[in-house]
Amino acid sequence: MNKDQVEGKLKDVGGRVERQVGEWTGDADKQAHGAVKQAEGKVQNAWGKVKEAGEKAVDKSTTDHDQDDSNVIEEEEKESRTTRRKVS
């Protein structure tokens, strides 16, 4: 969970509380402000999830690339040993 997800969730919850208080008290401005704050929180949380997914994809790509490189090196070493045995 990253900063945007945490802040987004806090805005979402805070907005939900503010909207509910506005409903209970009949304050339309507070309801509207709470709804806007809630929507901002949901968007920020979603953005945080997108960023986190992107970071994970980059990490996985880097890890996969490193593994591919080590597999190629292992194959080349095996081939080299086989070739040396045949030559000897």
PDB file of N, CA and C in Angstrom:
ATOM      1  N   MET A   1       0.862  -1.171   0.000  1.00  0.00           N
ATOM      2  CA  MET A   1       0.000   0.000   0.000  1.00  0.00           C
ATOM      3  C   MET A   1       0.906   1.231   0.000  1.00  0.00           C
ATOM      4  N   ASN A   2       0.622   2.173  -0.896  1.00  0.00           N
ATOM      5  CA  ASN A   2       1.463   3.354  -0.989  1.00  0.00           C
ATOM      6  C   ASN A   2       0.751   4.580  -0.410  1.00  0.00           C
ATOM      7  N   LYS A   3       1.453   5.708  -0.456  1.00  0.00           N
ATOM      8  CA  LYS A   3       0.968   6.955   0.136  1.00  0.00           C
ATOM      9  C   LYS A   3      -0.372   7.382  -0.460  1.00  0.00           C
ATOM     10  N   ASP A   4      -0.510   7.288  -1.783  1.00  0.00           N
ATOM     11  CA  ASP A   4      -1.761   7.701  -2.421  1.00  0.00           C
ATOM     12  C   ASP A   4      -2.936   6.840  -1.981  1.00  0.00           C
ATOM     13  N   GLN A   5      -2.691   5.558  -1.813  1.00  0.00           N
ATOM     14  CA  GLN A   5      -3.774   4.674  -1.371  1.00  0.00           C
ATOM     15  C   GLN A   5      -4.219   5.038   0.048  1.00  0.00           C
ATOM     16  N   VAL A   6      -3.263   5.290   0.925  1.00  0.00           N
ATOM     17  CA  VAL A   6      -3.590   5.626   2.317  1.00  0.00           C
ATOM     18  C   VAL A   6      -4.325   6.959   2.386  1.00  0.00           C
ATOM     19  N   GLU A   7      -3.759   7.978   1.731  1.00  0.00           N
ATOM     20  CA  GLU A   7      -4.401   9.291   1.748  1.00  0.00           C
ATOM     21  C   GLU A   7      -5.775   9.245   1.090  1.00  0.00           C
ATOM     22  N   GLY A   8      -5.887   8.501   0.002  1.00  0.00           N
ATOM     23  CA  GLY A   8      -7.172   8.376  -0.679  1.00  0.00           C
ATOM     24  C   GLY A   8      -8.218   7.723   0.202  1.00  0.00           C
ATOM     25  N   LYS A   9      -7.814   6.690   0.902  1.00  0.00           N
ATOM     26  CA  LYS A   9      -8.765   6.002   1.784  1.00  0.00           C
ATOM     27  C   LYS A   9      -9.206   6.921   2.923  1.00  0.00           C
ATOM     28  N   LEU A  10      -8.256   7.699   3.457  1.00  0.00           N
ATOM     29  CA  LEU A  10      -8.604   8.632   4.532  1.00  0.00           C
ATOM     30  C   LEU A  10      -9.578   9.704   4.033  1.00  0.00           C
ATOM     31  N   LYS A  11      -9.353  10.241   2.838  1.00  0.00           N
ATOM     32  CA  LYS A  11     -10.271  11.239   2.270  1.00  0.00           C
ATOM     33  C   LYS A  11     -11.643  10.615   2.032  1.00  0.00           C
ATOM     34  N   ASP A  12     -11.648   9.388   1.526  1.00  0.00           N
ATOM     35  CA  ASP A  12     -12.903   8.695   1.252  1.00  0.00           C
ATOM     36  C   ASP A  12     -13.716   8.555   2.535  1.00  0.00           C
ATOM     37  N   VAL A  13     -13.085   8.073   3.584  1.00  0.00           N
ATOM     38  CA  VAL A  13     -13.781   7.865   4.859  1.00  0.00           C
ATOM     39  C   VAL A  13     -14.206   9.204   5.456  1.00  0.00           C
ATOM     40  N   GLY A  14     -13.295  10.184   5.428  1.00  0.00           N
ATOM     41  CA  GLY A  14     -13.638  11.507   5.959  1.00  0.00           C
ATOM     42  C   GLY A  14     -14.800  12.129   5.209  1.00  0.00           C
ATOM     43  N   GLY A  15     -14.787  11.989   3.891  1.00  0.00           N
ATOM     44  CA  GLY A  15     -15.886  12.520   3.079  1.00  0.00           C
ATOM     45  C   GLY A  15     -17.192  11.816   3.363  1.00  0.00           C
ATOM     46  N   ARG A  16     -17.110  10.514   3.555  1.00  0.00           N
ATOM     47  CA  ARG A  16     -18.316   9.744   3.857  1.00  0.00           C
ATOM     48  C   ARG A  16     -18.927  10.201   5.184  1.00  0.00           C
ATOM     49  N   VAL A  17     -18.053  10.431   6.187  1.00  0.00           N
ATOM     50  CA  VAL A  17     -18.525  10.896   7.493  1.00  0.00           C
ATOM     51  C   VAL A  17     -19.154  12.280   7.348  1.00  0.00           C
ATOM     52  N   GLU A  18     -18.457  13.182   6.642  1.00  0.00           N
ATOM     53  CA  GLU A  18     -18.973  14.541   6.461  1.00  0.00           C
ATOM     54  C   GLU A  18     -20.313  14.539   5.717  1.00  0.00           C
ATOM     55  N   ARG A  19     -20.413  13.713   4.690  1.00  0.00           N
ATOM     56  CA  ARG A  19     -21.666  13.610   3.931  1.00  0.00           C
ATOM     57  C   ARG A  19     -22.797  13.106   4.819  1.00  0.00           C
ATOM     58  N   GLN A  20     -22.495  12.105   5.635  1.00  0.00           N
ATOM     59  CA  GLN A  20     -23.517  11.531   6.521  1.00  0.00           C
ATOM     60  C   GLN A  20     -23.965  12.551   7.565  1.00  0.00           C
ATOM     61  N   VAL A  21     -23.011  13.288   8.118  1.00  0.00           N
ATOM     62  CA  VAL A  21     -23.367  14.321   9.101  1.00  0.00           C
ATOM     63  C   VAL A  21     -24.261  15.370   8.442  1.00  0.00           C
ATOM     64  N   GLY A  22     -23.935  15.732   7.202  1.00  0.00           N
ATOM     65  CA  GLY A  22     -24.767  16.682   6.476  1.00  0.00           C
ATOM     66  C   GLY A  22     -26.181  16.162   6.263  1.00  0.00           C
ATOM     67  N   GLU A  23     -26.300  14.863   6.019  1.00  0.00           N
ATOM     68  CA  GLU A  23     -27.632  14.273   5.851  1.00  0.00           C
ATOM     69  C   GLU A  23     -28.410  14.330   7.159  1.00  0.00           C
ATOM     70  N   TRP A  24     -27.743  13.998   8.260  1.00  0.00           N
ATOM     71  CA  TRP A  24     -28.417  13.986   9.562  1.00  0.00           C
ATOM     72  C   TRP A  24     -28.859  15.382   9.991  1.00  0.00           C
ATOM     73  N   THR A  25     -28.034  16.376   9.676  1.00  0.00           N
ATOM     74  CA  THR A  25     -28.341  17.738  10.111  1.00  0.00           C
ATOM     75  C   THR A  25     -29.131  18.523   9.065  1.00  0.00           C
ATOM     76  N   GLY A  26     -29.299  17.973   7.882  1.00  0.00           N
ATOM     77  CA  GLY A  26     -30.015  18.678   6.822  1.00  0.00           C
ATOM     78  C   GLY A  26     -29.174  19.763   6.165  1.00  0.00           C
ATOM     79  N   ASP A  27     -27.855  19.715   6.320  1.00  0.00           N
ATOM     80  CA  ASP A  27     -26.936  20.712   5.749  1.00  0.00           C
ATOM     81  C   ASP A  27     -26.499  20.250   4.349  1.00  0.00           C
ATOM     82  N   ALA A  28     -27.121  20.839   3.324  1.00  0.00           N
ATOM     83  CA  ALA A  28     -26.837  20.434   1.943  1.00  0.00           C
ATOM     84  C   ALA A  28     -25.401  20.740   1.540  1.00  0.00           C
ATOM     85  N   ASP A  29     -24.848  21.854   2.022  1.00  0.00           N
ATOM     86  CA  ASP A  29     -23.458  22.204   1.695  1.00  0.00           C
ATOM     87  C   ASP A  29     -22.489  21.153   2.249  1.00  0.00           C
ATOM     88  N   LYS A  30     -22.726  20.741   3.476  1.00  0.00           N
ATOM     89  CA  LYS A  30     -21.858  19.725   4.090  1.00  0.00           C
ATOM     90  C   LYS A  30     -21.989  18.390   3.368  1.00  0.00           C
ATOM     91  N   GLN A  31     -23.194  18.061   2.942  1.00  0.00           N
ATOM     92  CA  GLN A  31     -23.413  16.834   2.160  1.00  0.00           C
ATOM     93  C   GLN A  31     -22.621  16.889   0.859  1.00  0.00           C
ATOM     94  N   ALA A  32     -22.726  18.011   0.173  1.00  0.00           N
ATOM     95  CA  ALA A  32     -22.048  18.159  -1.118  1.00  0.00           C
ATOM     96  C   ALA A  32     -20.531  18.133  -0.938  1.00  0.00           C
ATOM     97  N   HIS A  33     -20.041  18.859   0.055  1.00  0.00           N
ATOM     98  CA  HIS A  33     -18.593  18.889   0.296  1.00  0.00           C
ATOM     99  C   HIS A  33     -18.097  17.489   0.654  1.00  0.00           C
ATOM    100  N   GLY A  34     -18.844  16.788   1.461  1.00  0.00           N
ATOM    101  CA  GLY A  34     -18.469  15.423   1.834  1.00  0.00           C
ATOM    102  C   GLY A  34     -18.455  14.492   0.635  1.00  0.00           C
ATOM    103  N   ALA A  35     -19.428  14.647  -0.249  1.00  0.00           N
ATOM    104  CA  ALA A  35     -19.487  13.801  -1.444  1.00  0.00           C
ATOM    105  C   ALA A  35     -18.299  14.072  -2.357  1.00  0.00           C
ATOM    106  N   VAL A  36     -17.930  15.343  -2.501  1.00  0.00           N
ATOM    107  CA  VAL A  36     -16.770  15.698  -3.334  1.00  0.00           C
ATOM    108  C   VAL A  36     -15.492  15.134  -2.719  1.00  0.00           C
ATOM    109  N   LYS A  37     -15.351  15.296  -1.420  1.00  0.00           N
ATOM    110  CA  LYS A  37     -14.165  14.777  -0.722  1.00  0.00           C
ATOM    111  C   LYS A  37     -14.089  13.257  -0.844  1.00  0.00           C
ATOM    112  N   GLN A  38     -15.221  12.613  -0.757  1.00  0.00           N
ATOM    113  CA  GLN A  38     -15.294  11.161  -0.889  1.00  0.00           C
ATOM    114  C   GLN A  38     -14.863  10.736  -2.298  1.00  0.00           C
ATOM    115  N   ALA A  39     -15.348  11.436  -3.305  1.00  0.00           N
ATOM    116  CA  ALA A  39     -14.979  11.124  -4.693  1.00  0.00           C
ATOM    117  C   ALA A  39     -13.480  11.342  -4.917  1.00  0.00           C
ATOM    118  N   GLU A  40     -12.935  12.443  -4.375  1.00  0.00           N
ATOM    119  CA  GLU A  40     -11.495  12.697  -4.491  1.00  0.00           C
ATOM    120  C   GLU A  40     -10.701  11.542  -3.877  1.00  0.00           C
ATOM    121  N   GLY A  41     -11.161  11.079  -2.729  1.00  0.00           N
ATOM    122  CA  GLY A  41     -10.487   9.977  -2.054  1.00  0.00           C
ATOM    123  C   GLY A  41     -10.510   8.699  -2.878  1.00  0.00           C
ATOM    124  N   LYS A  42     -11.640   8.416  -3.491  1.00  0.00           N
ATOM    125  CA  LYS A  42     -11.746   7.212  -4.316  1.00  0.00           C
ATOM    126  C   LYS A  42     -10.813   7.290  -5.526  1.00  0.00           C
ATOM    127  N   VAL A  43     -10.737   8.478  -6.138  1.00  0.00           N
ATOM    128  CA  VAL A  43      -9.853   8.659  -7.291  1.00  0.00           C
ATOM    129  C   VAL A  43      -8.389   8.517  -6.866  1.00  0.00           C
ATOM    130  N   GLN A  44      -8.023   9.148  -5.755  1.00  0.00           N
ATOM    131  CA  GLN A  44      -6.634   9.066  -5.292  1.00  0.00           C
ATOM    132  C   GLN A  44      -6.268   7.632  -4.922  1.00  0.00           C
ATOM    133  N   ASN A  45      -7.180   6.927  -4.289  1.00  0.00           N
ATOM    134  CA  ASN A  45      -6.937   5.530  -3.937  1.00  0.00           C
ATOM    135  C   ASN A  45      -6.749   4.687  -5.191  1.00  0.00           C
ATOM    136  N   ALA A  46      -7.591   4.921  -6.190  1.00  0.00           N
ATOM    137  CA  ALA A  46      -7.467   4.173  -7.454  1.00  0.00           C
ATOM    138  C   ALA A  46      -6.139   4.483  -8.129  1.00  0.00           C
ATOM    139  N   TRP A  47      -5.733   5.742  -8.118  1.00  0.00           N
ATOM    140  CA  TRP A  47      -4.442   6.137  -8.700  1.00  0.00           C
ATOM    141  C   TRP A  47      -3.304   5.412  -7.971  1.00  0.00           C
ATOM    142  N   GLY A  48      -3.403   5.326  -6.658  1.00  0.00           N
ATOM    143  CA  GLY A  48      -2.394   4.610  -5.880  1.00  0.00           C
ATOM    144  C   GLY A  48      -2.323   3.142  -6.271  1.00  0.00           C
ATOM    145  N   LYS A  49      -3.472   2.540  -6.530  1.00  0.00           N
ATOM    146  CA  LYS A  49      -3.491   1.138  -6.950  1.00  0.00           C
ATOM    147  C   LYS A  49      -2.842   0.964  -8.317  1.00  0.00           C
ATOM    148  N   VAL A  50      -3.095   1.919  -9.221  1.00  0.00           N
ATOM    149  CA  VAL A  50      -2.485   1.858 -10.554  1.00  0.00           C
ATOM    150  C   VAL A  50      -0.970   1.982 -10.444  1.00  0.00           C
ATOM    151  N   LYS A  51      -0.512   2.923  -9.630  1.00  0.00           N
ATOM    152  CA  LYS A  51       0.929   3.105  -9.444  1.00  0.00           C
ATOM    153  C   LYS A  51       1.566   1.849  -8.854  1.00  0.00           C
ATOM    154  N   GLU A  52       0.903   1.258  -7.873  1.00  0.00           N
ATOM    155  CA  GLU A  52       1.427   0.055  -7.240  1.00  0.00           C
ATOM    156  C   GLU A  52       1.495  -1.106  -8.246  1.00  0.00           C
ATOM    157  N   ALA A  53       0.467  -1.239  -9.068  1.00  0.00           N
ATOM    158  CA  ALA A  53       0.470  -2.296 -10.082  1.00  0.00           C
ATOM    159  C   ALA A  53       1.599  -2.073 -11.080  1.00  0.00           C
ATOM    160  N   GLY A  54       1.826  -0.828 -11.453  1.00  0.00           N
ATOM    161  CA  GLY A  54       2.925  -0.510 -12.361  1.00  0.00           C
ATOM    162  C   GLY A  54       4.271  -0.840 -11.760  1.00  0.00           C
ATOM    163  N   GLU A  55       4.445  -0.505 -10.482  1.00  0.00           N
ATOM    164  CA  GLU A  55       5.704  -0.809  -9.801  1.00  0.00           C
ATOM    165  C   GLU A  55       5.931  -2.318  -9.720  1.00  0.00           C
ATOM    166  N   LYS A  56       4.869  -3.051  -9.429  1.00  0.00           N
ATOM    167  CA  LYS A  56       4.992  -4.508  -9.364  1.00  0.00           C
ATOM    168  C   LYS A  56       5.337  -5.094 -10.729  1.00  0.00           C
ATOM    169  N   ALA A  57       4.733  -4.541 -11.785  1.00  0.00           N
ATOM    170  CA  ALA A  57       5.015  -5.029 -13.136  1.00  0.00           C
ATOM    171  C   ALA A  57       6.474  -4.776 -13.504  1.00  0.00           C
ATOM    172  N   VAL A  58       6.981  -3.607 -13.134  1.00  0.00           N
ATOM    173  CA  VAL A  58       8.390  -3.289 -13.417  1.00  0.00           C
ATOM    174  C   VAL A  58       9.296  -4.228 -12.628  1.00  0.00           C
ATOM    175  N   ASP A  59       8.975  -4.442 -11.367  1.00  0.00           N
ATOM    176  CA  ASP A  59       9.776  -5.351 -10.543  1.00  0.00           C
ATOM    177  C   ASP A  59       9.776  -6.755 -11.127  1.00  0.00           C
ATOM    178  N   LYS A  60       8.601  -7.222 -11.535  1.00  0.00           N
ATOM    179  CA  LYS A  60       8.496  -8.569 -12.096  1.00  0.00           C
ATOM    180  C   LYS A  60       9.279  -8.653 -13.406  1.00  0.00           C
ATOM    181  N   SER A  61       9.160  -7.629 -14.221  1.00  0.00           N
ATOM    182  CA  SER A  61       9.872  -7.596 -15.494  1.00  0.00           C
ATOM    183  C   SER A  61      11.370  -7.639 -15.272  1.00  0.00           C
ATOM    184  N   THR A  62      11.845  -6.868 -14.315  1.00  0.00           N
ATOM    185  CA  THR A  62      13.271  -6.840 -14.006  1.00  0.00           C
ATOM    186  C   THR A  62      13.721  -8.199 -13.479  1.00  0.00           C
ATOM    187  N   THR A  63      12.931  -8.798 -12.604  1.00  0.00           N
ATOM    188  CA  THR A  63      13.262 -10.104 -12.052  1.00  0.00           C
ATOM    189  C   THR A  63      13.266 -11.162 -13.150  1.00  0.00           C
ATOM    190  N   ASP A  64      12.245 -11.134 -14.000  1.00  0.00           N
ATOM    191  CA  ASP A  64      12.175 -12.102 -15.097  1.00  0.00           C
ATOM    192  C   ASP A  64      13.357 -11.928 -16.039  1.00  0.00           C
ATOM    193  N   HIS A  65      13.712 -10.684 -16.318  1.00  0.00           N
ATOM    194  CA  HIS A  65      14.836 -10.411 -17.214  1.00  0.00           C
ATOM    195  C   HIS A  65      16.133 -10.943 -16.604  1.00  0.00           C
ATOM    196  N   ASP A  66      16.319 -10.729 -15.306  1.00  0.00           N
ATOM    197  CA  ASP A  66      17.519 -11.231 -14.633  1.00  0.00           C
ATOM    198  C   ASP A  66      17.568 -12.754 -14.671  1.00  0.00           C
ATOM    199  N   GLN A  67      16.408 -13.394 -14.480  1.00  0.00           N
ATOM    200  CA  GLN A  67      16.362 -14.850 -14.517  1.00  0.00           C
ATOM    201  C   GLN A  67      16.660 -15.348 -15.925  1.00  0.00           C
ATOM    202  N   ASP A  68      16.123 -14.667 -16.934  1.00  0.00           N
ATOM    203  CA  ASP A  68      16.392 -15.051 -18.318  1.00  0.00           C
ATOM    204  C   ASP A  68      17.880 -14.966 -18.608  1.00  0.00           C
ATOM    205  N   ASP A  69      18.523 -13.899 -18.143  1.00  0.00           N
ATOM    206  CA  ASP A  69      19.955 -13.734 -18.352  1.00  0.00           C
ATOM    207  C   ASP A  69      20.740 -14.859 -17.692  1.00  0.00           C
ATOM    208  N   SER A  70      20.366 -15.222 -16.469  1.00  0.00           N
ATOM    209  CA  SER A  70      21.105 -16.279 -15.777  1.00  0.00           C
ATOM    210  C   SER A  70      20.866 -17.623 -16.460  1.00  0.00           C
ATOM    211  N   ASN A  71      19.666 -17.849 -17.003  1.00  0.00           N
ATOM    212  CA  ASN A  71      19.399 -19.094 -17.725  1.00  0.00           C
ATOM    213  C   ASN A  71      20.249 -19.177 -18.987  1.00  0.00           C
ATOM    214  N   VAL A  72      20.394 -18.059 -19.685  1.00  0.00           N
ATOM    215  CA  VAL A  72      21.213 -18.035 -20.898  1.00  0.00           C
ATOM    216  C   VAL A  72      22.665 -18.333 -20.544  1.00  0.00           C
ATOM    217  N   ILE A  73      23.148 -17.732 -19.488  1.00  0.00           N
ATOM    218  CA  ILE A  73      24.537 -17.959 -19.063  1.00  0.00           C
ATOM    219  C   ILE A  73      24.744 -19.426 -18.698  1.00  0.00           C
ATOM    220  N   GLU A  74      23.793 -20.015 -17.963  1.00  0.00           N
ATOM    221  CA  GLU A  74      23.905 -21.429 -17.595  1.00  0.00           C
ATOM    222  C   GLU A  74      23.936 -22.311 -18.843  1.00  0.00           C
ATOM    223  N   GLU A  75      23.078 -22.030 -19.800  1.00  0.00           N
ATOM    224  CA  GLU A  75      23.041 -22.813 -21.035  1.00  0.00           C
ATOM    225  C   GLU A  75      24.359 -22.684 -21.797  1.00  0.00           C
ATOM    226  N   GLU A  76      24.905 -21.461 -21.847  1.00  0.00           N
ATOM    227  CA  GLU A  76      26.170 -21.250 -22.550  1.00  0.00           C
ATOM    228  C   GLU A  76      27.302 -22.007 -21.857  1.00  0.00           C
ATOM    229  N   GLU A  77      27.289 -22.016 -20.518  1.00  0.00           N
ATOM    230  CA  GLU A  77      28.314 -22.739 -19.784  1.00  0.00           C
ATOM    231  C   GLU A  77      28.211 -24.241 -20.042  1.00  0.00           C
ATOM    232  N   LYS A  78      27.002 -24.782 -20.048  1.00  0.00           N
ATOM    233  CA  LYS A  78      26.807 -26.208 -20.331  1.00  0.00           C
ATOM    234  C   LYS A  78      27.301 -26.541 -21.730  1.00  0.00           C
ATOM    235  N   GLU A  79      26.951 -25.691 -22.680  1.00  0.00           N
ATOM    236  CA  GLU A  79      27.356 -25.907 -24.064  1.00  0.00           C
ATOM    237  C   GLU A  79      28.880 -25.863 -24.191  1.00  0.00           C
ATOM    238  N   SER A  80      29.490 -24.942 -23.480  1.00  0.00           N
ATOM    239  CA  SER A  80      30.943 -24.797 -23.528  1.00  0.00           C
ATOM    240  C   SER A  80      31.620 -26.044 -22.952  1.00  0.00           C
ATOM    241  N   ARG A  81      31.093 -26.554 -21.820  1.00  0.00           N
ATOM    242  CA  ARG A  81      31.672 -27.762 -21.215  1.00  0.00           C
ATOM    243  C   ARG A  81      31.517 -28.954 -22.156  1.00  0.00           C
ATOM    244  N   THR A  82      30.334 -29.072 -22.784  1.00  0.00           N
ATOM    245  CA  THR A  82      30.098 -30.173 -23.721  1.00  0.00           C
ATOM    246  C   THR A  82      31.052 -30.095 -24.899  1.00  0.00           C
ATOM    247  N   THR A  83      31.232 -28.892 -25.401  1.00  0.00           N
ATOM    248  CA  THR A  83      32.133 -28.713 -26.540  1.00  0.00           C
ATOM    249  C   THR A  83      33.567 -29.062 -26.140  1.00  0.00           C
ATOM    250  N   ARG A  84      34.005 -28.654 -24.955  1.00  0.00           N
ATOM    251  CA  ARG A  84      35.357 -28.960 -24.493  1.00  0.00           C
ATOM    252  C   ARG A  84      35.553 -30.470 -24.342  1.00  0.00           C
ATOM    253  N   ARG A  85      34.534 -31.172 -23.865  1.00  0.00           N
ATOM    254  CA  ARG A  85      34.636 -32.622 -23.700  1.00  0.00           C
ATOM    255  C   ARG A  85      34.784 -33.304 -25.057  1.00  0.00           C
ATOM    256  N   LYS A  86      34.016 -32.829 -26.044  1.00  0.00           N
ATOM    257  CA  LYS A  86      34.065 -33.435 -27.372  1.00  0.00           C
ATOM    258  C   LYS A  86      35.428 -33.188 -28.010  1.00  0.00           C
ATOM    259  N   VAL A  87      35.997 -32.015 -27.784  1.00  0.00           N
ATOM    260  CA  VAL A  87      37.275 -31.663 -28.389  1.00  0.00           C
ATOM    261  C   VAL A  87      38.405 -32.470 -27.760  1.00  0.00           C
ATOM    262  N   SER A  88      38.326 -32.731 -26.479  1.00  0.00           N
ATOM    263  CA  SER A  88      39.404 -33.420 -25.761  1.00  0.00           C
ATOM    264  C   SER A  88      39.602 -34.841 -26.188  1.00  0.00           C
TER     265      SER A  88
END
